[in-house]
Amino acid sequence: MDLLKQTSVCITHAGLNTVLESLAQGVPQVAIPVAFDQPGVAARIANKQTGVVTSLDELTAEHLSTLLNEVLTNPVYQRNARKLQKAIAEANGLAVAADLVEESLGVTDTIQAAR
């Protein structure tokens, strides 16, 4: 997370955790999905214009350089990543998720009493 706070772009396999962590810092992505849910996550990156997507088959140093240049020079990606950063912060997702887990396990009262 500390490294993402200092970056201008994240090169990712489009794993959901990496993409969410990147967006939570307002960092746009270059996504190179490989398997599982990654193509779907990459499609959302493209749709929301928080980055660009390429396939592993198309990946070359020159192509990656072109994609990085696009993300770094076109302000739409940074702007959209920042919009989602704000939405993620406002959603307070981690705390809400923790509350839901605690509630489903029936431990909410015990935890709150310990606080």
C-alpha atoms as a PDB file:
ATOM      1  CA  MET A   1       0.000   0.000   0.000  1.00  0.00           C
ATOM      2  CA  ASP A   2       2.861   2.378   0.771  1.00  0.00           C
ATOM      3  CA  LEU A   3       4.284   1.799  -2.700  1.00  0.00           C
ATOM      4  CA  LEU A   4       0.908   2.442  -4.371  1.00  0.00           C
ATOM      5  CA  LYS A   5       0.703   5.791  -2.587  1.00  0.00           C
ATOM      6  CA  GLN A   6       3.848   6.834  -4.460  1.00  0.00           C
ATOM      7  CA  THR A   7       2.994   5.519  -7.934  1.00  0.00           C
ATOM      8  CA  SER A   8       1.431   7.090 -10.999  1.00  0.00           C
ATOM      9  CA  VAL A   9       0.241   3.824 -12.548  1.00  0.00           C
ATOM     10  CA  CYS A  10      -0.117   0.194 -11.468  1.00  0.00           C
ATOM     11  CA  ILE A  11       0.745  -2.648 -13.835  1.00  0.00           C
ATOM     12  CA  THR A  12      -1.486  -5.500 -12.719  1.00  0.00           C
ATOM     13  CA  HIS A  13      -2.780  -8.947 -13.662  1.00  0.00           C
ATOM     14  CA  ALA A  14      -6.229  -7.499 -12.859  1.00  0.00           C
ATOM     15  CA  GLY A  15      -6.685  -9.467  -9.675  1.00  0.00           C
ATOM     16  CA  LEU A  16      -9.516  -7.923  -7.699  1.00  0.00           C
ATOM     17  CA  ASN A  17      -7.432  -7.197  -4.587  1.00  0.00           C
ATOM     18  CA  THR A  18      -4.709  -5.384  -6.517  1.00  0.00           C
ATOM     19  CA  VAL A  19      -7.204  -3.378  -8.536  1.00  0.00           C
ATOM     20  CA  LEU A  20      -9.194  -2.344  -5.452  1.00  0.00           C
ATOM     21  CA  GLU A  21      -6.025  -1.413  -3.568  1.00  0.00           C
ATOM     22  CA  SER A  22      -4.856   0.603  -6.556  1.00  0.00           C
ATOM     23  CA  LEU A  23      -8.195   2.392  -6.875  1.00  0.00           C
ATOM     24  CA  ALA A  24      -8.328   3.033  -3.131  1.00  0.00           C
ATOM     25  CA  GLN A  25      -5.163   5.085  -3.694  1.00  0.00           C
ATOM     26  CA  GLY A  26      -6.520   6.744  -6.861  1.00  0.00           C
ATOM     27  CA  VAL A  27      -3.951   5.017  -9.068  1.00  0.00           C
ATOM     28  CA  PRO A  28      -4.915   4.063 -12.654  1.00  0.00           C
ATOM     29  CA  GLN A  29      -3.886   0.696 -14.077  1.00  0.00           C
ATOM     30  CA  VAL A  30      -2.467  -1.149 -17.030  1.00  0.00           C
ATOM     31  CA  ALA A  31      -4.183  -4.519 -16.775  1.00  0.00           C
ATOM     32  CA  ILE A  32      -2.866  -7.770 -18.231  1.00  0.00           C
ATOM     33  CA  PRO A  33      -5.391 -10.437 -17.192  1.00  0.00           C
ATOM     34  CA  VAL A  34      -4.250 -14.043 -17.119  1.00  0.00           C
ATOM     35  CA  ALA A  35      -6.995 -16.300 -15.707  1.00  0.00           C
ATOM     36  CA  PHE A  36      -9.993 -16.790 -13.428  1.00  0.00           C
ATOM     37  CA  ASP A  37     -11.868 -13.538 -12.671  1.00  0.00           C
ATOM     38  CA  GLN A  38      -9.125 -11.330 -14.087  1.00  0.00           C
ATOM     39  CA  PRO A  39     -10.635 -10.840 -17.587  1.00  0.00           C
ATOM     40  CA  GLY A  40     -13.890  -9.694 -15.978  1.00  0.00           C
ATOM     41  CA  VAL A  41     -12.102  -7.295 -13.641  1.00  0.00           C
ATOM     42  CA  ALA A  42     -10.048  -6.004 -16.585  1.00  0.00           C
ATOM     43  CA  ALA A  43     -13.241  -5.432 -18.567  1.00  0.00           C
ATOM     44  CA  ARG A  44     -14.504  -3.230 -15.730  1.00  0.00           C
ATOM     45  CA  ILE A  45     -11.220  -1.284 -15.724  1.00  0.00           C
ATOM     46  CA  ALA A  46     -11.730  -0.603 -19.427  1.00  0.00           C
ATOM     47  CA  ASN A  47     -15.422   0.196 -19.003  1.00  0.00           C
ATOM     48  CA  LYS A  48     -14.865   2.659 -16.164  1.00  0.00           C
ATOM     49  CA  GLN A  49     -11.763   4.038 -17.894  1.00  0.00           C
ATOM     50  CA  THR A  50      -9.571   3.706 -14.824  1.00  0.00           C
ATOM     51  CA  GLY A  51      -6.884   2.178 -17.013  1.00  0.00           C
ATOM     52  CA  VAL A  52      -6.175   0.230 -20.155  1.00  0.00           C
ATOM     53  CA  VAL A  53      -6.186  -3.490 -20.849  1.00  0.00           C
ATOM     54  CA  THR A  54      -4.127  -5.770 -23.034  1.00  0.00           C
ATOM     55  CA  SER A  55      -3.774  -9.507 -23.384  1.00  0.00           C
ATOM     56  CA  LEU A  56      -0.729 -11.503 -22.422  1.00  0.00           C
ATOM     57  CA  ASP A  57      -0.483 -12.616 -26.060  1.00  0.00           C
ATOM     58  CA  GLU A  58      -0.133  -9.002 -27.254  1.00  0.00           C
ATOM     59  CA  LEU A  59       2.348  -7.984 -24.571  1.00  0.00           C
ATOM     60  CA  THR A  60       5.715  -6.710 -25.754  1.00  0.00           C
ATOM     61  CA  ALA A  61       8.004  -4.113 -24.236  1.00  0.00           C
ATOM     62  CA  GLU A  62       6.999  -1.636 -26.946  1.00  0.00           C
ATOM     63  CA  HIS A  63       3.278  -2.278 -26.467  1.00  0.00           C
ATOM     64  CA  LEU A  64       3.597  -1.945 -22.686  1.00  0.00           C
ATOM     65  CA  SER A  65       5.476   1.319 -23.157  1.00  0.00           C
ATOM     66  CA  THR A  66       2.667   2.623 -25.378  1.00  0.00           C
ATOM     67  CA  LEU A  67       0.019   1.633 -22.828  1.00  0.00           C
ATOM     68  CA  LEU A  68       1.933   3.222 -19.957  1.00  0.00           C
ATOM     69  CA  ASN A  69       2.296   6.415 -21.967  1.00  0.00           C
ATOM     70  CA  GLU A  70      -1.451   6.437 -22.656  1.00  0.00           C
ATOM     71  CA  VAL A  71      -2.354   6.074 -18.982  1.00  0.00           C
ATOM     72  CA  LEU A  72       0.241   8.607 -17.843  1.00  0.00           C
ATOM     73  CA  THR A  73      -0.631  11.306 -20.381  1.00  0.00           C
ATOM     74  CA  ASN A  74      -4.409  10.970 -20.795  1.00  0.00           C
ATOM     75  CA  PRO A  75      -6.017  12.614 -17.738  1.00  0.00           C
ATOM     76  CA  VAL A  76      -9.255  10.624 -18.060  1.00  0.00           C
ATOM     77  CA  TYR A  77      -7.675   7.586 -16.352  1.00  0.00           C
ATOM     78  CA  GLN A  78      -6.387   9.547 -13.363  1.00  0.00           C
ATOM     79  CA  ARG A  79      -9.664  11.446 -13.067  1.00  0.00           C
ATOM     80  CA  ASN A  80     -11.751   8.259 -13.109  1.00  0.00           C
ATOM     81  CA  ALA A  81      -9.425   6.460 -10.678  1.00  0.00           C
ATOM     82  CA  ARG A  82      -9.820   9.401  -8.292  1.00  0.00           C
ATOM     83  CA  LYS A  83     -13.616   9.254  -8.630  1.00  0.00           C
ATOM     84  CA  LEU A  84     -13.567   5.611  -7.598  1.00  0.00           C
ATOM     85  CA  GLN A  85     -11.082   6.405  -4.820  1.00  0.00           C
ATOM     86  CA  LYS A  86     -13.639   8.788  -3.368  1.00  0.00           C
ATOM     87  CA  ALA A  87     -16.472   6.261  -3.756  1.00  0.00           C
ATOM     88  CA  ILE A  88     -14.415   3.538  -2.060  1.00  0.00           C
ATOM     89  CA  ALA A  89     -13.584   5.839   0.851  1.00  0.00           C
ATOM     90  CA  GLU A  90     -17.207   6.930   1.245  1.00  0.00           C
ATOM     91  CA  ALA A  91     -18.454   3.332   1.169  1.00  0.00           C
ATOM     92  CA  ASN A  92     -16.242   2.429   4.161  1.00  0.00           C
ATOM     93  CA  GLY A  93     -16.296  -1.082   2.738  1.00  0.00           C
ATOM     94  CA  LEU A  94     -13.867  -2.777   5.106  1.00  0.00           C
ATOM     95  CA  ALA A  95     -15.722  -1.691   8.218  1.00  0.00           C
ATOM     96  CA  VAL A  96     -19.086  -2.580   6.690  1.00  0.00           C
ATOM     97  CA  ALA A  97     -17.781  -6.010   5.642  1.00  0.00           C
ATOM     98  CA  ALA A  98     -16.375  -6.646   9.124  1.00  0.00           C
ATOM     99  CA  ASP A  99     -19.710  -5.683  10.684  1.00  0.00           C
ATOM    100  CA  LEU A 100     -21.565  -8.072   8.357  1.00  0.00           C
ATOM    101  CA  VAL A 101     -19.210 -10.941   9.213  1.00  0.00           C
ATOM    102  CA  GLU A 102     -19.514 -10.252  12.926  1.00  0.00           C
ATOM    103  CA  GLU A 103     -23.288 -10.061  12.655  1.00  0.00           C
ATOM    104  CA  SER A 104     -23.527 -13.310  10.692  1.00  0.00           C
ATOM    105  CA  LEU A 105     -21.378 -15.053  13.316  1.00  0.00           C
ATOM    106  CA  GLY A 106     -23.449 -13.609  16.140  1.00  0.00           C
ATOM    107  CA  VAL A 107     -20.434 -12.016  17.796  1.00  0.00           C
ATOM    108  CA  THR A 108     -21.390  -8.345  17.437  1.00  0.00           C
ATOM    109  CA  ASP A 109     -22.516  -7.957  21.061  1.00  0.00           C
ATOM    110  CA  THR A 110     -19.411  -9.702  22.423  1.00  0.00           C
ATOM    111  CA  ILE A 111     -17.039  -7.545  20.370  1.00  0.00           C
ATOM    112  CA  GLN A 112     -18.819  -4.291  21.164  1.00  0.00           C
ATOM    113  CA  ALA A 113     -18.856  -5.162  24.881  1.00  0.00           C
ATOM    114  CA  ALA A 114     -15.080  -5.727  24.758  1.00  0.00           C
ATOM    115  CA  ARG A 115     -14.546  -2.287  23.193  1.00  0.00           C
END
